Amino acid sequence: MLTETDLPEKLYFREAKEKPKVLGGIKIGNRKLTVITGASSGLGLNCAATLTKTGRHFVVMAVRDVEKGKRVAKEMNFPDGSYVVMKLELGSLQSVRDFVFNLKAFKSARPVDNLICNAAVYKPTDPEPKWTDDGFEQSMDDLAKAKDSRCVIVGSITGNTNTVGGGLVYPQADLGKLQGFEAGAKNPVAMADGKPFFGAKAYKDSKVCNMMTVSELHRRYHDSTGIAFSSMYPGCIAETPLFREKRPWFRKAFPWFMKYVTGGYVGMEEAGERLAQVVDDPQCTKSDVYWSWNGGAQQVGRWSPDGKPRGAGGSGGEIFENQQSDAVRDRETAMKMWELSAKAVGLTEKDKPKAKTVAMSVAA
């Protein structure tokens, strides 16, 4: 998860390319092959821990720091032979290409059964944007581009204006007319709407784009491939490393507030279990769905005898199909976002996956 306060000017050096691992087909066996980005901390790590311990999944932990990934997998008691750690710096399209090459070498003819796009950047207090190696503002760097497979992009209520966090908490997500994308979406253009950089809004805008991407993937590829494309909101993980750049008083007070006032709080382990459920539970095979639990954060939680409000997307409850905001369901803008994203990263018609052969694709 890209959350460090001070990132190097260049995020990925070709000399640091990882040597491909081989003979993955033997290691994977009859298990499903599941790739998780941002798997060395927070939500991604806890999801990986849950899936590896089912015995049904072999997990590829796609992480920036390979040594850290290996260490935390041991600390979380991942079963031996249930995972592999591979280098992936999402702030570099070259690193994405190198990861794809290494993944293909590892899995050989095996298909990727599940792809979980989890890594994120949140820099609400930064006065100036930070850029990827390819010139994209880091919050918006979602531009990197089998039957019964599933592709899950982690969403957030902050991108849905029909929720408490997205509609009542300033600022609201607003892509405008995608003026920033039309201008190339590269340095010095930092925002989707082309306006001056605003870190908190950039994060919310990126979540709108994430969920639009799910709908576009579904529209373009589901019928011909059978892949289920979905997004999900795991609840408010108030103690996530994503908030490590916030002030100390906020990091202390926010979990209490979300647990006892709004009822949106969910612990890291439960959040990981929720994300794992979306790729492992037979009831989650439907495509173009925004999965949520316990009310989906569209209202403040109701009183509960245990003193913790319920119904606001927090701990407990059953999975259900949540409703996306009108902005997310704006098909014309979603189509435009998709095409401009492809153009921004240099994809030609030849490069774009064909509907009959696509395995997994993410663009936003």
Protein backbone atom coordinates (compact mmCIF):
# COMPACT_ATOMS: atom_id res chain seq x y z
CA MET A 1 0.00 0.00 0.00
CA LEU A 2 1.59 3.32 -1.07
CA THR A 3 1.35 5.27 2.17
CA GLU A 4 4.88 6.41 3.01
CA THR A 5 5.26 10.12 3.73
CA ASP A 6 8.39 10.51 1.63
CA LEU A 7 8.62 8.42 -1.50
CA PRO A 8 11.72 8.52 -3.73
CA GLU A 9 11.55 10.64 -6.85
CA LYS A 10 11.73 7.51 -8.96
CA LEU A 11 9.78 4.51 -7.68
CA TYR A 12 11.13 1.69 -9.84
CA PHE A 13 14.47 1.02 -11.48
CA ARG A 14 14.68 -1.55 -14.25
CA GLU A 15 17.86 -2.88 -12.64
CA ALA A 16 15.69 -3.95 -9.70
CA LYS A 17 13.62 -6.26 -11.90
CA GLU A 18 12.98 -9.52 -10.10
CA LYS A 19 14.12 -12.74 -11.71
CA PRO A 20 11.11 -14.84 -12.72
CA LYS A 21 10.13 -17.75 -10.52
CA VAL A 22 9.28 -20.98 -12.33
CA LEU A 23 7.44 -24.29 -11.86
CA GLY A 24 4.48 -22.53 -10.29
CA GLY A 25 2.03 -25.00 -11.78
CA ILE A 26 3.44 -27.74 -9.54
CA LYS A 27 3.19 -25.54 -6.45
CA ILE A 28 -0.32 -24.34 -7.24
CA GLY A 29 -1.71 -27.83 -7.76
CA ASN A 30 -5.50 -27.96 -7.87
CA ARG A 31 -6.00 -24.74 -5.94
CA LYS A 32 -7.30 -21.51 -7.42
CA LEU A 33 -4.59 -19.01 -8.38
CA THR A 34 -5.39 -15.68 -6.72
CA VAL A 35 -3.36 -12.48 -7.23
CA ILE A 36 -3.61 -9.75 -4.58
CA THR A 37 -2.01 -6.33 -4.96
CA GLY A 38 -0.97 -4.46 -1.82
CA ALA A 39 -0.75 -7.78 0.01
CA SER A 40 2.00 -6.91 2.49
CA SER A 41 -0.11 -4.84 4.89
CA GLY A 42 -3.63 -3.97 5.96
CA LEU A 43 -6.63 -5.25 4.04
CA GLY A 44 -4.61 -7.08 1.38
CA LEU A 45 -2.48 -8.93 3.91
CA ASN A 46 -5.47 -10.04 5.98
CA CYS A 47 -7.32 -11.16 2.85
CA ALA A 48 -4.29 -13.18 1.77
CA ALA A 49 -4.07 -14.78 5.23
CA THR A 50 -7.73 -15.82 5.07
CA LEU A 51 -7.49 -17.30 1.57
CA THR A 52 -4.26 -19.23 2.13
CA LYS A 53 -5.72 -20.87 5.21
CA THR A 54 -8.78 -22.19 3.36
CA GLY A 55 -6.63 -24.63 1.41
CA ARG A 56 -8.53 -23.65 -1.75
CA HIS A 57 -6.30 -20.81 -2.93
CA PHE A 58 -2.67 -20.33 -3.89
CA VAL A 59 -1.96 -16.61 -3.40
CA VAL A 60 0.44 -14.43 -5.34
CA MET A 61 1.31 -11.51 -3.05
CA ALA A 62 2.06 -8.63 -5.43
CA VAL A 63 4.02 -6.13 -3.33
CA ARG A 64 6.56 -3.34 -3.59
CA ASP A 65 8.86 -4.72 -0.86
CA VAL A 66 9.40 -8.46 -1.42
CA GLU A 67 11.36 -9.01 1.78
CA LYS A 68 8.65 -7.35 3.84
CA GLY A 69 6.06 -9.53 2.10
CA LYS A 70 7.95 -12.69 3.02
CA ARG A 71 8.38 -11.53 6.62
CA VAL A 72 4.74 -10.62 7.27
CA ALA A 73 3.51 -13.85 5.65
CA LYS A 74 5.60 -15.78 8.20
CA GLU A 75 4.37 -13.57 11.04
CA MET A 76 0.75 -14.19 9.99
CA ASN A 77 1.39 -17.95 9.84
CA PHE A 78 0.58 -18.45 6.17
CA PRO A 79 0.70 -22.21 5.51
CA ASP A 80 3.90 -23.32 3.79
CA GLY A 81 3.47 -23.76 0.06
CA SER A 82 0.30 -21.63 -0.07
CA TYR A 83 1.76 -18.42 -1.49
CA VAL A 84 4.55 -16.70 -3.39
CA VAL A 85 5.74 -13.10 -3.08
CA MET A 86 6.41 -11.13 -6.28
CA LYS A 87 7.59 -7.57 -6.81
CA LEU A 88 5.07 -5.05 -8.14
CA GLU A 89 5.47 -1.27 -7.94
CA LEU A 90 2.15 0.11 -9.11
CA GLY A 91 3.68 3.55 -9.48
CA SER A 92 5.54 2.33 -12.57
CA LEU A 93 4.01 0.90 -15.74
CA GLN A 94 7.36 -0.79 -16.43
CA SER A 95 7.11 -2.61 -13.11
CA VAL A 96 3.56 -3.68 -14.03
CA ARG A 97 4.88 -5.11 -17.31
CA ASP A 98 7.73 -6.89 -15.52
CA PHE A 99 5.30 -8.35 -12.97
CA VAL A 100 3.00 -9.66 -15.71
CA PHE A 101 6.01 -11.28 -17.45
CA ASN A 102 7.11 -12.94 -14.20
CA LEU A 103 3.58 -14.06 -13.34
CA LYS A 104 3.22 -15.72 -16.75
CA ALA A 105 6.56 -17.46 -16.30
CA PHE A 106 5.53 -18.70 -12.87
CA LYS A 107 2.05 -19.97 -13.66
CA SER A 108 2.89 -21.33 -17.12
CA ALA A 109 -0.37 -22.50 -18.74
CA ARG A 110 -2.42 -22.10 -15.58
CA PRO A 111 -5.12 -19.38 -15.71
CA VAL A 112 -5.39 -16.63 -13.12
CA ASP A 113 -8.60 -17.48 -11.27
CA ASN A 114 -8.95 -14.34 -9.18
CA LEU A 115 -7.47 -10.84 -9.31
CA ILE A 116 -7.90 -8.55 -6.30
CA CYS A 117 -6.94 -4.92 -6.92
CA ASN A 118 -6.42 -3.53 -3.45
CA ALA A 119 -3.43 -1.16 -3.25
CA ALA A 120 -4.22 2.53 -2.72
CA VAL A 121 -2.70 5.94 -1.99
CA TYR A 122 -4.26 8.43 0.44
CA LYS A 123 -2.55 11.80 0.94
CA PRO A 124 -5.30 14.18 2.10
CA THR A 125 -3.01 16.79 3.65
CA ASP A 126 -0.34 17.04 0.94
CA PRO A 127 -0.37 20.55 -0.57
CA GLU A 128 1.29 19.36 -3.75
CA PRO A 129 0.71 16.21 -5.81
CA LYS A 130 3.20 13.35 -5.95
CA TRP A 131 3.76 11.67 -9.29
CA THR A 132 4.38 8.14 -10.51
CA ASP A 133 7.32 7.29 -12.73
CA ASP A 134 5.04 7.79 -15.73
CA GLY A 135 3.78 11.21 -14.62
CA PHE A 136 0.38 10.27 -13.16
CA GLU A 137 -0.81 11.72 -9.85
CA GLN A 138 -0.46 8.83 -7.40
CA SER A 139 -4.02 8.77 -6.01
CA MET A 140 -5.37 8.40 -9.55
CA ASP A 141 -2.78 5.83 -10.62
CA ASP A 142 -5.29 3.11 -11.45
CA LEU A 143 -4.31 3.39 -15.11
CA ALA A 144 -2.34 0.17 -15.31
CA LYS A 145 -4.04 -2.02 -17.68
CA ALA A 146 -11.59 -17.91 -17.85
CA LYS A 147 -14.57 -19.09 -17.02
CA ASP A 148 -15.85 -18.66 -13.42
CA SER A 149 -12.97 -16.28 -12.63
CA ARG A 150 -13.47 -13.18 -10.50
CA CYS A 151 -11.90 -9.74 -10.60
CA VAL A 152 -12.49 -7.56 -7.53
CA ILE A 153 -11.53 -3.89 -7.22
CA VAL A 154 -11.74 -2.61 -3.67
CA GLY A 155 -14.06 0.37 -3.51
CA SER A 156 -14.98 2.85 -0.82
CA ILE A 157 -18.03 4.69 0.42
CA THR A 158 -16.05 7.90 -0.06
CA GLY A 159 -16.58 7.62 -3.80
CA ASN A 160 -20.34 7.17 -3.43
CA THR A 161 -22.19 10.40 -2.72
CA ASN A 162 -25.24 8.41 -1.57
CA THR A 163 -23.39 7.46 1.65
CA VAL A 164 -22.59 9.31 4.86
CA GLY A 165 -18.84 9.33 4.20
CA GLY A 166 -19.15 10.20 0.53
CA GLY A 167 -22.08 12.61 0.59
CA LEU A 168 -21.84 14.43 3.93
CA VAL A 169 -18.07 14.53 4.49
CA TYR A 170 -16.31 17.27 2.53
CA PRO A 171 -15.12 17.13 -0.22
CA GLN A 172 -17.40 15.11 -2.47
CA ALA A 173 -16.10 13.12 -5.41
CA ASP A 174 -16.70 14.93 -8.69
CA LEU A 175 -15.06 14.01 -11.99
CA GLY A 176 -16.51 17.04 -13.76
CA LYS A 177 -16.29 16.49 -17.51
CA LEU A 178 -13.00 14.62 -17.12
CA GLN A 179 -11.11 17.70 -18.25
CA GLY A 180 -7.95 16.41 -16.57
CA PHE A 181 -8.15 13.11 -18.44
CA GLU A 182 -8.78 14.97 -21.68
CA ALA A 183 -5.60 16.98 -21.02
CA GLY A 184 -3.60 13.75 -20.80
CA ALA A 185 -3.84 13.05 -17.04
CA LYS A 186 -0.09 13.56 -16.62
CA ASN A 187 2.15 16.03 -14.80
CA PRO A 188 1.25 18.87 -14.27
CA VAL A 189 -2.39 17.72 -14.53
CA ALA A 190 -3.21 16.24 -11.09
CA MET A 191 -7.02 16.01 -10.92
CA ALA A 192 -9.62 14.20 -13.01
CA ASP A 193 -11.60 17.42 -13.43
CA GLY A 194 -8.49 19.41 -14.35
CA LYS A 195 -8.70 21.65 -11.27
CA PRO A 196 -5.87 22.38 -8.78
CA PHE A 197 -4.68 19.46 -6.66
CA PHE A 198 -6.79 18.55 -3.60
CA GLY A 199 -5.50 15.37 -1.98
CA ALA A 200 -8.68 14.25 -0.18
CA LYS A 201 -10.78 14.77 -3.31
CA ALA A 202 -8.23 13.01 -5.53
CA TYR A 203 -8.66 9.86 -3.42
CA LYS A 204 -12.46 10.03 -3.62
CA ASP A 205 -12.34 10.65 -7.38
CA SER A 206 -10.12 7.58 -7.80
CA LYS A 207 -12.73 5.43 -6.05
CA VAL A 208 -15.44 6.64 -8.42
CA CYS A 209 -13.17 5.64 -11.31
CA ASN A 210 -12.50 2.25 -9.69
CA MET A 211 -16.20 1.42 -9.52
CA MET A 212 -16.84 2.76 -13.02
CA THR A 213 -14.06 0.47 -14.20
CA VAL A 214 -15.89 -2.54 -12.78
CA SER A 215 -19.00 -1.64 -14.75
CA GLU A 216 -16.99 -1.15 -17.94
CA LEU A 217 -15.15 -4.46 -17.50
CA HIS A 218 -18.51 -6.16 -16.99
CA ARG A 219 -20.06 -4.50 -20.04
CA ARG A 220 -17.12 -5.26 -22.31
CA TYR A 221 -16.00 -8.71 -21.17
CA HIS A 222 -18.37 -10.58 -18.86
CA ASP A 223 -20.67 -12.20 -21.43
CA SER A 224 -17.81 -13.59 -23.51
CA THR A 225 -15.54 -14.71 -20.65
CA GLY A 226 -17.73 -15.57 -17.68
CA ILE A 227 -15.49 -13.47 -15.44
CA ALA A 228 -17.36 -11.83 -12.56
CA PHE A 229 -16.22 -8.23 -12.16
CA SER A 230 -17.16 -6.59 -8.86
CA SER A 231 -16.23 -3.97 -6.28
CA MET A 232 -16.72 -4.07 -2.54
CA TYR A 233 -16.68 -1.90 0.57
CA PRO A 234 -15.14 -3.76 3.53
CA GLY A 235 -16.33 -1.27 6.17
CA CYS A 236 -14.33 1.53 7.76
CA ILE A 237 -10.97 0.05 8.72
CA ALA A 238 -10.21 2.94 11.07
CA GLU A 239 -6.82 1.53 12.10
CA THR A 240 -5.54 0.89 8.59
CA PRO A 241 -2.00 2.00 7.63
CA LEU A 242 -3.77 4.14 5.03
CA PHE A 243 -4.28 6.73 7.81
CA ARG A 244 -0.70 6.75 9.06
CA GLU A 245 -0.13 10.25 7.68
CA LYS A 246 -2.99 11.70 9.71
CA ARG A 247 -2.29 13.55 12.97
CA PRO A 248 -1.83 11.44 16.16
CA TRP A 249 -5.05 12.74 17.75
CA PHE A 250 -7.02 11.67 14.66
CA ARG A 251 -5.54 8.17 14.63
CA LYS A 252 -6.52 7.79 18.29
CA ALA A 253 -10.00 9.30 18.13
CA PHE A 254 -11.19 8.09 14.72
CA PRO A 255 -11.52 4.35 15.59
CA TRP A 256 -13.51 5.22 18.73
CA PHE A 257 -15.77 7.57 16.76
CA MET A 258 -16.44 5.02 14.02
CA LYS A 259 -17.06 2.23 16.54
CA TYR A 260 -19.35 3.96 19.03
CA VAL A 261 -20.90 6.91 17.14
CA THR A 262 -21.38 6.04 13.47
CA GLY A 263 -21.16 2.24 13.74
CA GLY A 264 -19.04 1.99 10.60
CA TYR A 265 -15.99 0.43 12.29
CA VAL A 266 -14.64 -2.94 11.22
CA GLY A 267 -11.43 -4.58 12.39
CA MET A 268 -8.61 -5.47 10.03
CA GLU A 269 -9.09 -9.24 10.31
CA GLU A 270 -12.84 -9.09 9.63
CA ALA A 271 -12.28 -6.73 6.70
CA GLY A 272 -9.82 -9.23 5.22
CA GLU A 273 -12.37 -12.00 5.65
CA ARG A 274 -14.96 -9.88 3.83
CA LEU A 275 -12.67 -9.28 0.86
CA ALA A 276 -11.80 -12.97 0.77
CA GLN A 277 -15.50 -13.85 0.78
CA VAL A 278 -16.07 -11.96 -2.46
CA VAL A 279 -13.68 -14.28 -4.35
CA ASP A 280 -14.34 -17.49 -2.40
CA ASP A 281 -18.06 -17.58 -1.60
CA PRO A 282 -20.27 -19.31 -4.23
CA GLN A 283 -22.97 -16.66 -3.70
CA CYS A 284 -20.59 -13.95 -5.00
CA THR A 285 -20.34 -15.14 -8.60
CA LYS A 286 -22.65 -12.40 -9.92
CA SER A 287 -20.93 -9.75 -12.02
CA ASP A 288 -21.22 -5.93 -11.88
CA VAL A 289 -22.06 -5.89 -8.17
CA TYR A 290 -20.95 -3.54 -5.39
CA TRP A 291 -20.76 -5.84 -2.35
CA SER A 292 -21.25 -4.51 1.19
CA TRP A 293 -22.17 -5.70 4.69
CA ASN A 294 -24.35 -4.50 7.54
CA GLY A 295 -26.16 -1.58 5.93
CA GLY A 296 -23.51 -0.33 3.54
CA ALA A 297 -22.86 3.01 5.30
CA GLN A 298 -25.84 4.78 3.72
CA GLN A 299 -26.95 5.93 7.16
CA VAL A 300 -25.59 6.39 10.67
CA GLY A 301 -25.88 3.17 12.65
CA ARG A 302 -28.89 2.31 14.78
CA TRP A 303 -28.71 1.63 18.52
CA SER A 304 -27.74 -1.91 19.56
CA PRO A 305 -27.88 -3.54 23.03
CA ASP A 306 -24.09 -4.05 22.99
CA GLY A 307 -23.58 -0.28 22.75
CA LYS A 308 -22.18 -0.43 19.21
CA PRO A 309 -24.42 1.07 16.49
CA ARG A 310 -25.44 -1.33 13.72
CA GLY A 311 -26.40 -0.90 10.07
CA ALA A 312 -23.68 1.53 8.95
CA GLY A 313 -21.41 -0.96 7.19
CA GLY A 314 -19.45 -1.84 10.31
CA SER A 315 -18.73 -5.16 12.01
CA GLY A 316 -21.19 -8.01 11.67
CA GLY A 317 -24.14 -8.45 9.35
CA GLU A 318 -24.54 -10.35 6.09
CA ILE A 319 -23.20 -9.60 2.63
CA PHE A 320 -25.59 -7.90 0.21
CA GLU A 321 -25.66 -6.10 -3.15
CA ASN A 322 -25.27 -2.40 -2.38
CA GLN A 323 -26.44 0.48 -4.56
CA GLN A 324 -23.93 2.67 -6.34
CA SER A 325 -24.36 6.43 -6.57
CA ASP A 326 -25.76 8.11 -9.65
CA ALA A 327 -22.28 9.40 -10.49
CA VAL A 328 -20.82 5.89 -10.52
CA ARG A 329 -23.68 4.67 -12.73
CA ASP A 330 -23.17 7.46 -15.28
CA ARG A 331 -22.49 5.21 -18.26
CA GLU A 332 -21.47 7.98 -20.65
CA THR A 333 -18.81 9.27 -18.25
CA ALA A 334 -17.67 5.72 -17.46
CA MET A 335 -17.13 4.94 -21.14
CA LYS A 336 -15.26 8.20 -21.62
CA MET A 337 -13.11 7.52 -18.56
CA TRP A 338 -12.20 4.07 -19.90
CA GLU A 339 -11.18 5.33 -23.33
CA LEU A 340 -9.19 8.28 -21.99
CA SER A 341 -7.44 5.99 -19.47
CA ALA A 342 -6.38 3.64 -22.23
CA LYS A 343 -5.09 6.57 -24.24
CA ALA A 344 -3.19 8.01 -21.27
CA VAL A 345 -1.19 4.81 -20.73
CA GLY A 346 -0.54 4.39 -24.44
CA LEU A 347 -2.75 1.40 -25.19
CA THR A 348 -3.53 0.96 -28.87
CA GLU A 349 -6.37 -1.10 -30.32
CA LYS A 350 -3.84 -3.88 -30.88
CA ASP A 351 -2.86 -3.81 -27.20
CA LYS A 352 -6.40 -3.90 -25.83
CA PRO A 353 -7.61 -7.35 -24.77
CA LYS A 354 -10.12 -9.00 -27.05
CA ALA A 355 -13.40 -10.02 -25.52
CA LYS A 356 -13.01 -13.70 -26.38
CA THR A 357 -9.50 -14.07 -24.97
CA VAL A 358 -9.25 -11.63 -22.03
CA ALA A 359 -8.32 -13.18 -18.70
CA MET A 360 -8.06 -10.18 -16.37
CA SER A 361 -7.84 -6.46 -17.12
CA VAL A 362 -7.93 -3.36 -14.98
CA ALA A 363 -8.08 0.23 -16.27
CA ALA A 364 -9.38 3.33 -14.54
